[in-house]
mmCIF file of all heavy atoms, coordinates in Angstrom:
data_MODEL
# 
_entry.id   MODEL 
# 
loop_
_atom_site.group_PDB 
_atom_site.id 
_atom_site.type_symbol 
_atom_site.label_atom_id 
_atom_site.label_alt_id 
_atom_site.label_comp_id 
_atom_site.label_asym_id 
_atom_site.label_entity_id 
_atom_site.label_seq_id 
_atom_site.pdbx_PDB_ins_code 
_atom_site.Cartn_x 
_atom_site.Cartn_y 
_atom_site.Cartn_z 
_atom_site.occupancy 
_atom_site.B_iso_or_equiv 
_atom_site.pdbx_formal_charge 
_atom_site.auth_seq_id 
_atom_site.auth_comp_id 
_atom_site.auth_asym_id 
_atom_site.auth_atom_id 
_atom_site.pdbx_PDB_model_num 
ATOM 1   N N   . ALA A 1 1  ? 1.556  -5.802  9.681  1.00 0.00 ? 1  ALA A N   1 
ATOM 2   C CA  . ALA A 1 1  ? 1.628  -4.442  10.308 1.00 0.00 ? 1  ALA A CA  1 
ATOM 3   C C   . ALA A 1 1  ? 1.894  -3.386  9.250  1.00 0.00 ? 1  ALA A C   1 
ATOM 4   O O   . ALA A 1 1  ? 1.463  -2.244  9.296  1.00 0.00 ? 1  ALA A O   1 
ATOM 5   C CB  . ALA A 1 1  ? 2.609  -4.502  11.342 1.00 0.00 ? 1  ALA A CB  1 
ATOM 6   N N   . HIS A 1 2  ? 2.847  -3.726  8.328  1.00 0.00 ? 2  HIS A N   1 
ATOM 7   C CA  . HIS A 1 2  ? 3.164  -2.784  7.292  1.00 0.00 ? 2  HIS A CA  1 
ATOM 8   C C   . HIS A 1 2  ? 1.873  -2.455  6.394  1.00 0.00 ? 2  HIS A C   1 
ATOM 9   O O   . HIS A 1 2  ? 1.623  -1.318  6.045  1.00 0.00 ? 2  HIS A O   1 
ATOM 10  C CB  . HIS A 1 2  ? 4.360  -3.370  6.394  1.00 0.00 ? 2  HIS A CB  1 
ATOM 11  C CG  . HIS A 1 2  ? 4.767  -2.383  5.457  1.00 0.00 ? 2  HIS A CG  1 
ATOM 12  N ND1 . HIS A 1 2  ? 5.303  -2.806  4.075  1.00 0.00 ? 2  HIS A ND1 1 
ATOM 13  C CD2 . HIS A 1 2  ? 5.010  -1.012  5.376  1.00 0.00 ? 2  HIS A CD2 1 
ATOM 14  C CE1 . HIS A 1 2  ? 5.693  -1.665  3.485  1.00 0.00 ? 2  HIS A CE1 1 
ATOM 15  N NE2 . HIS A 1 2  ? 5.546  -0.703  4.227  1.00 0.00 ? 2  HIS A NE2 1 
ATOM 16  N N   . LEU A 1 3  ? 1.121  -3.577  6.026  1.00 0.00 ? 3  LEU A N   1 
ATOM 17  C CA  . LEU A 1 3  ? -0.092 -3.282  5.240  1.00 0.00 ? 3  LEU A CA  1 
ATOM 18  C C   . LEU A 1 3  ? -0.988 -2.271  6.015  1.00 0.00 ? 3  LEU A C   1 
ATOM 19  O O   . LEU A 1 3  ? -1.566 -1.377  5.351  1.00 0.00 ? 3  LEU A O   1 
ATOM 20  C CB  . LEU A 1 3  ? -0.682 -4.641  4.956  1.00 0.00 ? 3  LEU A CB  1 
ATOM 21  C CG  . LEU A 1 3  ? -2.063 -4.701  4.210  1.00 0.00 ? 3  LEU A CG  1 
ATOM 22  C CD1 . LEU A 1 3  ? -1.843 -4.130  2.753  1.00 0.00 ? 3  LEU A CD1 1 
ATOM 23  C CD2 . LEU A 1 3  ? -2.577 -5.976  4.108  1.00 0.00 ? 3  LEU A CD2 1 
ATOM 24  N N   . GLU A 1 4  ? -1.203 -2.656  7.295  1.00 0.00 ? 4  GLU A N   1 
ATOM 25  C CA  . GLU A 1 4  ? -2.156 -1.833  8.155  1.00 0.00 ? 4  GLU A CA  1 
ATOM 26  C C   . GLU A 1 4  ? -1.661 -0.334  8.117  1.00 0.00 ? 4  GLU A C   1 
ATOM 27  O O   . GLU A 1 4  ? -2.518 0.695   7.937  1.00 0.00 ? 4  GLU A O   1 
ATOM 28  C CB  . GLU A 1 4  ? -2.346 -2.360  9.564  1.00 0.00 ? 4  GLU A CB  1 
ATOM 29  C CG  . GLU A 1 4  ? -2.981 -3.699  9.519  1.00 0.00 ? 4  GLU A CG  1 
ATOM 30  C CD  . GLU A 1 4  ? -2.925 -4.254  10.956 1.00 0.00 ? 4  GLU A CD  1 
ATOM 31  O OE1 . GLU A 1 4  ? -2.289 -3.594  11.861 1.00 0.00 ? 4  GLU A OE1 1 
ATOM 32  O OE2 . GLU A 1 4  ? -3.424 -5.350  11.191 1.00 0.00 ? 4  GLU A OE2 1 
ATOM 33  N N   . LEU A 1 5  ? -0.396 -0.144  8.201  1.00 0.00 ? 5  LEU A N   1 
ATOM 34  C CA  . LEU A 1 5  ? 0.164  1.214   8.261  1.00 0.00 ? 5  LEU A CA  1 
ATOM 35  C C   . LEU A 1 5  ? -0.098 1.924   6.958  1.00 0.00 ? 5  LEU A C   1 
ATOM 36  O O   . LEU A 1 5  ? -0.489 3.054   6.978  1.00 0.00 ? 5  LEU A O   1 
ATOM 37  C CB  . LEU A 1 5  ? 1.653  1.180   8.564  1.00 0.00 ? 5  LEU A CB  1 
ATOM 38  C CG  . LEU A 1 5  ? 2.403  2.484   8.395  1.00 0.00 ? 5  LEU A CG  1 
ATOM 39  C CD1 . LEU A 1 5  ? 2.046  3.423   9.692  1.00 0.00 ? 5  LEU A CD1 1 
ATOM 40  C CD2 . LEU A 1 5  ? 3.871  2.268   8.529  1.00 0.00 ? 5  LEU A CD2 1 
ATOM 41  N N   . VAL A 1 6  ? 0.164  1.261   5.852  1.00 0.00 ? 6  VAL A N   1 
ATOM 42  C CA  . VAL A 1 6  ? -0.052 1.903   4.546  1.00 0.00 ? 6  VAL A CA  1 
ATOM 43  C C   . VAL A 1 6  ? -1.507 2.214   4.257  1.00 0.00 ? 6  VAL A C   1 
ATOM 44  O O   . VAL A 1 6  ? -1.795 3.255   3.661  1.00 0.00 ? 6  VAL A O   1 
ATOM 45  C CB  . VAL A 1 6  ? 0.559  0.886   3.337  1.00 0.00 ? 6  VAL A CB  1 
ATOM 46  C CG1 . VAL A 1 6  ? 0.228  1.522   2.056  1.00 0.00 ? 6  VAL A CG1 1 
ATOM 47  C CG2 . VAL A 1 6  ? 2.007  0.790   3.608  1.00 0.00 ? 6  VAL A CG2 1 
ATOM 48  N N   . VAL A 1 7  ? -2.402 1.244   4.720  1.00 0.00 ? 7  VAL A N   1 
ATOM 49  C CA  . VAL A 1 7  ? -3.796 1.644   4.615  1.00 0.00 ? 7  VAL A CA  1 
ATOM 50  C C   . VAL A 1 7  ? -4.076 2.840   5.387  1.00 0.00 ? 7  VAL A C   1 
ATOM 51  O O   . VAL A 1 7  ? -4.903 3.756   4.886  1.00 0.00 ? 7  VAL A O   1 
ATOM 52  C CB  . VAL A 1 7  ? -4.671 0.540   5.113  1.00 0.00 ? 7  VAL A CB  1 
ATOM 53  C CG1 . VAL A 1 7  ? -6.102 0.801   5.245  1.00 0.00 ? 7  VAL A CG1 1 
ATOM 54  C CG2 . VAL A 1 7  ? -4.504 -0.717  4.177  1.00 0.00 ? 7  VAL A CG2 1 
ATOM 55  N N   . ARG A 1 8  ? -3.598 3.009   6.524  1.00 0.00 ? 8  ARG A N   1 
ATOM 56  C CA  . ARG A 1 8  ? -3.855 4.380   7.342  1.00 0.00 ? 8  ARG A CA  1 
ATOM 57  C C   . ARG A 1 8  ? -3.240 5.561   6.707  1.00 0.00 ? 8  ARG A C   1 
ATOM 58  O O   . ARG A 1 8  ? -3.857 6.581   6.625  1.00 0.00 ? 8  ARG A O   1 
ATOM 59  C CB  . ARG A 1 8  ? -3.485 4.070   8.725  1.00 0.00 ? 8  ARG A CB  1 
ATOM 60  C CG  . ARG A 1 8  ? -3.627 5.355   9.670  1.00 0.00 ? 8  ARG A CG  1 
ATOM 61  C CD  . ARG A 1 8  ? -3.088 5.092   11.045 1.00 0.00 ? 8  ARG A CD  1 
ATOM 62  N NE  . ARG A 1 8  ? -1.721 5.183   11.206 1.00 0.00 ? 8  ARG A NE  1 
ATOM 63  C CZ  . ARG A 1 8  ? -0.972 6.247   11.352 1.00 0.00 ? 8  ARG A CZ  1 
ATOM 64  N NH1 . ARG A 1 8  ? -1.608 7.469   11.247 1.00 0.00 ? 8  ARG A NH1 1 
ATOM 65  N NH2 . ARG A 1 8  ? 0.332  6.282   11.565 1.00 0.00 ? 8  ARG A NH2 1 
ATOM 66  N N   . MET A 1 9  ? -2.021 5.364   6.138  1.00 0.00 ? 9  MET A N   1 
ATOM 67  C CA  . MET A 1 9  ? -1.298 6.575   5.645  1.00 0.00 ? 9  MET A CA  1 
ATOM 68  C C   . MET A 1 9  ? -1.864 6.939   4.250  1.00 0.00 ? 9  MET A C   1 
ATOM 69  O O   . MET A 1 9  ? -2.097 8.301   3.989  1.00 0.00 ? 9  MET A O   1 
ATOM 70  C CB  . MET A 1 9  ? 0.190  6.184   5.555  1.00 0.00 ? 9  MET A CB  1 
ATOM 71  C CG  . MET A 1 9  ? 0.848  6.301   6.996  1.00 0.00 ? 9  MET A CG  1 
ATOM 72  S SD  . MET A 1 9  ? 0.849  7.835   7.622  1.00 0.00 ? 9  MET A SD  1 
ATOM 73  C CE  . MET A 1 9  ? 2.176  7.588   8.903  1.00 0.00 ? 9  MET A CE  1 
ATOM 74  N N   . ILE A 1 10 ? -2.047 6.088   3.286  1.00 0.00 ? 10 ILE A N   1 
ATOM 75  C CA  . ILE A 1 10 ? -2.380 6.647   1.954  1.00 0.00 ? 10 ILE A CA  1 
ATOM 76  C C   . ILE A 1 10 ? -3.587 5.865   1.444  1.00 0.00 ? 10 ILE A C   1 
ATOM 77  O O   . ILE A 1 10 ? -4.077 6.043   0.257  1.00 0.00 ? 10 ILE A O   1 
ATOM 78  C CB  . ILE A 1 10 ? -1.106 6.215   0.980  1.00 0.00 ? 10 ILE A CB  1 
ATOM 79  C CG1 . ILE A 1 10 ? -0.841 4.786   0.812  1.00 0.00 ? 10 ILE A CG1 1 
ATOM 80  C CG2 . ILE A 1 10 ? 0.050  7.025   1.462  1.00 0.00 ? 10 ILE A CG2 1 
ATOM 81  C CD1 . ILE A 1 10 ? 0.067  4.544   -0.267 1.00 0.00 ? 10 ILE A CD1 1 
ATOM 82  N N   . GLY A 1 11 ? -4.284 4.890   2.118  1.00 0.00 ? 11 GLY A N   1 
ATOM 83  C CA  . GLY A 1 11 ? -5.421 4.382   1.587  1.00 0.00 ? 11 GLY A CA  1 
ATOM 84  C C   . GLY A 1 11 ? -5.213 3.521   0.354  1.00 0.00 ? 11 GLY A C   1 
ATOM 85  O O   . GLY A 1 11 ? -4.301 2.723   0.299  1.00 0.00 ? 11 GLY A O   1 
ATOM 86  N N   . GLU A 1 12 ? -5.988 3.737   -0.642 1.00 0.00 ? 12 GLU A N   1 
ATOM 87  C CA  . GLU A 1 12 ? -5.760 3.001   -1.908 1.00 0.00 ? 12 GLU A CA  1 
ATOM 88  C C   . GLU A 1 12 ? -4.929 3.759   -2.973 1.00 0.00 ? 12 GLU A C   1 
ATOM 89  O O   . GLU A 1 12 ? -4.836 3.293   -4.008 1.00 0.00 ? 12 GLU A O   1 
ATOM 90  C CB  . GLU A 1 12 ? -7.147 2.708   -2.623 1.00 0.00 ? 12 GLU A CB  1 
ATOM 91  C CG  . GLU A 1 12 ? -8.137 1.894   -1.650 1.00 0.00 ? 12 GLU A CG  1 
ATOM 92  C CD  . GLU A 1 12 ? -7.567 0.529   -1.508 1.00 0.00 ? 12 GLU A CD  1 
ATOM 93  O OE1 . GLU A 1 12 ? -6.970 -0.027  -2.452 1.00 0.00 ? 12 GLU A OE1 1 
ATOM 94  O OE2 . GLU A 1 12 ? -7.838 -0.099  -0.424 1.00 0.00 ? 12 GLU A OE2 1 
ATOM 95  N N   . ALA A 1 13 ? -4.226 4.813   -2.512 1.00 0.00 ? 13 ALA A N   1 
ATOM 96  C CA  . ALA A 1 13 ? -3.428 5.539   -3.459 1.00 0.00 ? 13 ALA A CA  1 
ATOM 97  C C   . ALA A 1 13 ? -2.271 4.681   -3.928 1.00 0.00 ? 13 ALA A C   1 
ATOM 98  O O   . ALA A 1 13 ? -1.659 3.844   -3.171 1.00 0.00 ? 13 ALA A O   1 
ATOM 99  C CB  . ALA A 1 13 ? -2.886 6.788   -2.813 1.00 0.00 ? 13 ALA A CB  1 
ATOM 100 N N   . PRO A 1 14 ? -1.703 4.970   -5.148 1.00 0.00 ? 14 PRO A N   1 
ATOM 101 C CA  . PRO A 1 14 ? -0.453 4.238   -5.590 1.00 0.00 ? 14 PRO A CA  1 
ATOM 102 C C   . PRO A 1 14 ? 0.720  4.493   -4.646 1.00 0.00 ? 14 PRO A C   1 
ATOM 103 O O   . PRO A 1 14 ? 0.737  5.489   -4.020 1.00 0.00 ? 14 PRO A O   1 
ATOM 104 C CB  . PRO A 1 14 ? -0.319 4.641   -6.997 1.00 0.00 ? 14 PRO A CB  1 
ATOM 105 C CG  . PRO A 1 14 ? -1.575 5.387   -7.353 1.00 0.00 ? 14 PRO A CG  1 
ATOM 106 C CD  . PRO A 1 14 ? -2.085 5.865   -6.174 1.00 0.00 ? 14 PRO A CD  1 
ATOM 107 N N   . GLY A 1 15 ? 1.735  3.520   -4.646 1.00 0.00 ? 15 GLY A N   1 
ATOM 108 C CA  . GLY A 1 15 ? 2.903  3.657   -3.958 1.00 0.00 ? 15 GLY A CA  1 
ATOM 109 C C   . GLY A 1 15 ? 3.825  4.603   -4.642 1.00 0.00 ? 15 GLY A C   1 
ATOM 110 O O   . GLY A 1 15 ? 3.672  4.840   -5.886 1.00 0.00 ? 15 GLY A O   1 
ATOM 111 N N   . THR A 1 16 ? 4.683  5.238   -3.898 1.00 0.00 ? 16 THR A N   1 
ATOM 112 C CA  . THR A 1 16 ? 5.628  6.231   -4.410 1.00 0.00 ? 16 THR A CA  1 
ATOM 113 C C   . THR A 1 16 ? 6.599  5.744   -5.477 1.00 0.00 ? 16 THR A C   1 
ATOM 114 O O   . THR A 1 16 ? 7.133  6.424   -6.446 1.00 0.00 ? 16 THR A O   1 
ATOM 115 C CB  . THR A 1 16 ? 6.442  6.931   -3.452 1.00 0.00 ? 16 THR A CB  1 
ATOM 116 O OG1 . THR A 1 16 ? 7.148  5.922   -2.619 1.00 0.00 ? 16 THR A OG1 1 
ATOM 117 C CG2 . THR A 1 16 ? 5.617  7.974   -2.579 1.00 0.00 ? 16 THR A CG2 1 
ATOM 118 N N   . GLY A 1 17 ? 6.872  4.346   -5.443 1.00 0.00 ? 17 GLY A N   1 
ATOM 119 C CA  . GLY A 1 17 ? 7.790  3.752   -6.390 1.00 0.00 ? 17 GLY A CA  1 
ATOM 120 C C   . GLY A 1 17 ? 7.078  3.188   -7.632 1.00 0.00 ? 17 GLY A C   1 
ATOM 121 O O   . GLY A 1 17 ? 7.583  2.468   -8.401 1.00 0.00 ? 17 GLY A O   1 
ATOM 122 N N   . GLY A 1 18 ? 5.759  3.517   -7.748 1.00 0.00 ? 18 GLY A N   1 
ATOM 123 C CA  . GLY A 1 18 ? 4.916  3.071   -8.987 1.00 0.00 ? 18 GLY A CA  1 
ATOM 124 C C   . GLY A 1 18 ? 4.259  1.716   -8.756 1.00 0.00 ? 18 GLY A C   1 
ATOM 125 O O   . GLY A 1 18 ? 3.586  1.325   -9.695 1.00 0.00 ? 18 GLY A O   1 
ATOM 126 N N   . THR A 1 19 ? 4.227  1.353   -7.619 1.00 0.00 ? 19 THR A N   1 
ATOM 127 C CA  . THR A 1 19 ? 3.424  0.043   -7.357 1.00 0.00 ? 19 THR A CA  1 
ATOM 128 C C   . THR A 1 19 ? 1.992  0.331   -7.062 1.00 0.00 ? 19 THR A C   1 
ATOM 129 O O   . THR A 1 19 ? 1.657  1.485   -6.989 1.00 0.00 ? 19 THR A O   1 
ATOM 130 C CB  . THR A 1 19 ? 4.072  -0.647  -6.060 1.00 0.00 ? 19 THR A CB  1 
ATOM 131 O OG1 . THR A 1 19 ? 3.644  0.052   -4.922 1.00 0.00 ? 19 THR A OG1 1 
ATOM 132 C CG2 . THR A 1 19 ? 5.525  -0.876  -6.063 1.00 0.00 ? 19 THR A CG2 1 
ATOM 133 N N   . ALA A 1 20 ? 1.266  -0.714  -7.009 1.00 0.00 ? 20 ALA A N   1 
ATOM 134 C CA  . ALA A 1 20 ? -0.238 -0.583  -6.825 1.00 0.00 ? 20 ALA A CA  1 
ATOM 135 C C   . ALA A 1 20 ? -0.541 -0.308  -5.398 1.00 0.00 ? 20 ALA A C   1 
ATOM 136 O O   . ALA A 1 20 ? -1.638 -0.428  -5.039 1.00 0.00 ? 20 ALA A O   1 
ATOM 137 C CB  . ALA A 1 20 ? -0.860 -1.839  -7.238 1.00 0.00 ? 20 ALA A CB  1 
ATOM 138 N N   . GLY A 1 21 ? 0.502  0.173   -4.538 1.00 0.00 ? 21 GLY A N   1 
ATOM 139 C CA  . GLY A 1 21 ? 0.250  0.341   -3.170 1.00 0.00 ? 21 GLY A CA  1 
ATOM 140 C C   . GLY A 1 21 ? -0.277 -0.763  -2.305 1.00 0.00 ? 21 GLY A C   1 
ATOM 141 O O   . GLY A 1 21 ? 0.344  -1.880  -2.218 1.00 0.00 ? 21 GLY A O   1 
ATOM 142 N N   . VAL A 1 22 ? -1.381 -0.606  -1.654 1.00 0.00 ? 22 VAL A N   1 
ATOM 143 C CA  . VAL A 1 22 ? -1.952 -1.633  -0.747 1.00 0.00 ? 22 VAL A CA  1 
ATOM 144 C C   . VAL A 1 22 ? -2.220 -2.926  -1.502 1.00 0.00 ? 22 VAL A C   1 
ATOM 145 O O   . VAL A 1 22 ? -1.817 -3.949  -0.885 1.00 0.00 ? 22 VAL A O   1 
ATOM 146 C CB  . VAL A 1 22 ? -3.354 -1.048  -0.188 1.00 0.00 ? 22 VAL A CB  1 
ATOM 147 C CG1 . VAL A 1 22 ? -4.048 -2.266  0.485  1.00 0.00 ? 22 VAL A CG1 1 
ATOM 148 C CG2 . VAL A 1 22 ? -3.054 -0.025  0.777  1.00 0.00 ? 22 VAL A CG2 1 
ATOM 149 N N   . ASN A 1 23 ? -2.737 -2.953  -2.607 1.00 0.00 ? 23 ASN A N   1 
ATOM 150 C CA  . ASN A 1 23 ? -2.843 -4.211  -3.370 1.00 0.00 ? 23 ASN A CA  1 
ATOM 151 C C   . ASN A 1 23 ? -1.598 -4.987  -3.603 1.00 0.00 ? 23 ASN A C   1 
ATOM 152 O O   . ASN A 1 23 ? -1.565 -6.189  -3.619 1.00 0.00 ? 23 ASN A O   1 
ATOM 153 C CB  . ASN A 1 23 ? -3.790 -3.922  -4.614 1.00 0.00 ? 23 ASN A CB  1 
ATOM 154 C CG  . ASN A 1 23 ? -5.118 -3.537  -4.438 1.00 0.00 ? 23 ASN A CG  1 
ATOM 155 O OD1 . ASN A 1 23 ? -5.660 -3.918  -3.449 1.00 0.00 ? 23 ASN A OD1 1 
ATOM 156 N ND2 . ASN A 1 23 ? -5.694 -2.817  -5.428 1.00 0.00 ? 23 ASN A ND2 1 
ATOM 157 N N   . TRP A 1 24 ? -0.536 -4.301  -3.972 1.00 0.00 ? 24 TRP A N   1 
ATOM 158 C CA  . TRP A 1 24 ? 0.741  -4.804  -4.216 1.00 0.00 ? 24 TRP A CA  1 
ATOM 159 C C   . TRP A 1 24 ? 1.214  -5.463  -2.933 1.00 0.00 ? 24 TRP A C   1 
ATOM 160 O O   . TRP A 1 24 ? 1.721  -6.598  -2.911 1.00 0.00 ? 24 TRP A O   1 
ATOM 161 C CB  . TRP A 1 24 ? 1.654  -3.900  -4.822 1.00 0.00 ? 24 TRP A CB  1 
ATOM 162 C CG  . TRP A 1 24 ? 2.979  -4.375  -5.055 1.00 0.00 ? 24 TRP A CG  1 
ATOM 163 C CD1 . TRP A 1 24 ? 3.467  -5.137  -6.206 1.00 0.00 ? 24 TRP A CD1 1 
ATOM 164 C CD2 . TRP A 1 24 ? 4.254  -4.331  -4.281 1.00 0.00 ? 24 TRP A CD2 1 
ATOM 165 N NE1 . TRP A 1 24 ? 4.752  -5.573  -6.151 1.00 0.00 ? 24 TRP A NE1 1 
ATOM 166 C CE2 . TRP A 1 24 ? 5.292  -5.063  -4.934 1.00 0.00 ? 24 TRP A CE2 1 
ATOM 167 C CE3 . TRP A 1 24 ? 4.566  -3.734  -3.093 1.00 0.00 ? 24 TRP A CE3 1 
ATOM 168 C CZ2 . TRP A 1 24 ? 6.559  -5.113  -4.471 1.00 0.00 ? 24 TRP A CZ2 1 
ATOM 169 C CZ3 . TRP A 1 24 ? 5.825  -3.918  -2.591 1.00 0.00 ? 24 TRP A CZ3 1 
ATOM 170 C CH2 . TRP A 1 24 ? 6.862  -4.485  -3.270 1.00 0.00 ? 24 TRP A CH2 1 
ATOM 171 N N   . LEU A 1 25 ? 1.148  -4.775  -1.790 1.00 0.00 ? 25 LEU A N   1 
ATOM 172 C CA  . LEU A 1 25 ? 1.597  -5.223  -0.494 1.00 0.00 ? 25 LEU A CA  1 
ATOM 173 C C   . LEU A 1 25 ? 0.823  -6.409  -0.085 1.00 0.00 ? 25 LEU A C   1 
ATOM 174 O O   . LEU A 1 25 ? 1.433  -7.432  0.367  1.00 0.00 ? 25 LEU A O   1 
ATOM 175 C CB  . LEU A 1 25 ? 1.511  -4.247  0.494  1.00 0.00 ? 25 LEU A CB  1 
ATOM 176 C CG  . LEU A 1 25 ? 2.493  -3.001  0.477  1.00 0.00 ? 25 LEU A CG  1 
ATOM 177 C CD1 . LEU A 1 25 ? 2.158  -2.004  1.478  1.00 0.00 ? 25 LEU A CD1 1 
ATOM 178 C CD2 . LEU A 1 25 ? 4.003  -3.545  0.515  1.00 0.00 ? 25 LEU A CD2 1 
ATOM 179 N N   . ARG A 1 26 ? -0.481 -6.420  -0.412 1.00 0.00 ? 26 ARG A N   1 
ATOM 180 C CA  . ARG A 1 26 ? -1.366 -7.621  0.061  1.00 0.00 ? 26 ARG A CA  1 
ATOM 181 C C   . ARG A 1 26 ? -0.928 -8.869  -0.652 1.00 0.00 ? 26 ARG A C   1 
ATOM 182 O O   . ARG A 1 26 ? -0.990 -9.930  -0.100 1.00 0.00 ? 26 ARG A O   1 
ATOM 183 C CB  . ARG A 1 26 ? -2.741 -7.232  -0.216 1.00 0.00 ? 26 ARG A CB  1 
ATOM 184 C CG  . ARG A 1 26 ? -3.752 -8.200  0.430  1.00 0.00 ? 26 ARG A CG  1 
ATOM 185 C CD  . ARG A 1 26 ? -5.224 -7.814  0.135  1.00 0.00 ? 26 ARG A CD  1 
ATOM 186 N NE  . ARG A 1 26 ? -5.575 -6.611  1.011  1.00 0.00 ? 26 ARG A NE  1 
ATOM 187 C CZ  . ARG A 1 26 ? -6.007 -5.490  0.462  1.00 0.00 ? 26 ARG A CZ  1 
ATOM 188 N NH1 . ARG A 1 26 ? -5.952 -5.235  -0.855 1.00 0.00 ? 26 ARG A NH1 1 
ATOM 189 N NH2 . ARG A 1 26 ? -6.293 -4.538  1.181  1.00 0.00 ? 26 ARG A NH2 1 
ATOM 190 N N   . SER A 1 27 ? -0.589 -8.660  -1.928 1.00 0.00 ? 27 SER A N   1 
ATOM 191 C CA  . SER A 1 27 ? -0.286 -9.795  -2.802 1.00 0.00 ? 27 SER A CA  1 
ATOM 192 C C   . SER A 1 27 ? 0.995  -10.492 -2.450 1.00 0.00 ? 27 SER A C   1 
ATOM 193 O O   . SER A 1 27 ? 1.295  -11.640 -2.738 1.00 0.00 ? 27 SER A O   1 
ATOM 194 C CB  . SER A 1 27 ? -0.215 -9.394  -4.233 1.00 0.00 ? 27 SER A CB  1 
ATOM 195 O OG  . SER A 1 27 ? 0.999  -8.592  -4.539 1.00 0.00 ? 27 SER A OG  1 
ATOM 196 N N   . ARG A 1 28 ? 1.804  -9.819  -1.558 1.00 0.00 ? 28 ARG A N   1 
ATOM 197 C CA  . ARG A 1 28 ? 3.171  -10.407 -1.322 1.00 0.00 ? 28 ARG A CA  1 
ATOM 198 C C   . ARG A 1 28 ? 3.172  -10.919 0.242  1.00 0.00 ? 28 ARG A C   1 
ATOM 199 O O   . ARG A 1 28 ? 4.337  -11.391 0.612  1.00 0.00 ? 28 ARG A O   1 
ATOM 200 C CB  . ARG A 1 28 ? 4.291  -9.311  -1.518 1.00 0.00 ? 28 ARG A CB  1 
ATOM 201 C CG  . ARG A 1 28 ? 4.337  -8.757  -2.844 1.00 0.00 ? 28 ARG A CG  1 
ATOM 202 C CD  . ARG A 1 28 ? 5.420  -7.719  -2.912 1.00 0.00 ? 28 ARG A CD  1 
ATOM 203 N NE  . ARG A 1 28 ? 6.722  -8.200  -2.846 1.00 0.00 ? 28 ARG A NE  1 
ATOM 204 C CZ  . ARG A 1 28 ? 7.488  -8.985  -3.800 1.00 0.00 ? 28 ARG A CZ  1 
ATOM 205 N NH1 . ARG A 1 28 ? 6.818  -9.224  -5.040 1.00 0.00 ? 28 ARG A NH1 1 
ATOM 206 N NH2 . ARG A 1 28 ? 8.682  -9.510  -3.525 1.00 0.00 ? 28 ARG A NH2 1 
# 
């Protein structure tokens, strides 16, 4: 659910903490 939310909110943009955003969440 968190991954789906981030996709809706920022798409493929990097995370605010310097992570790869969606790809980083998907890997975890």
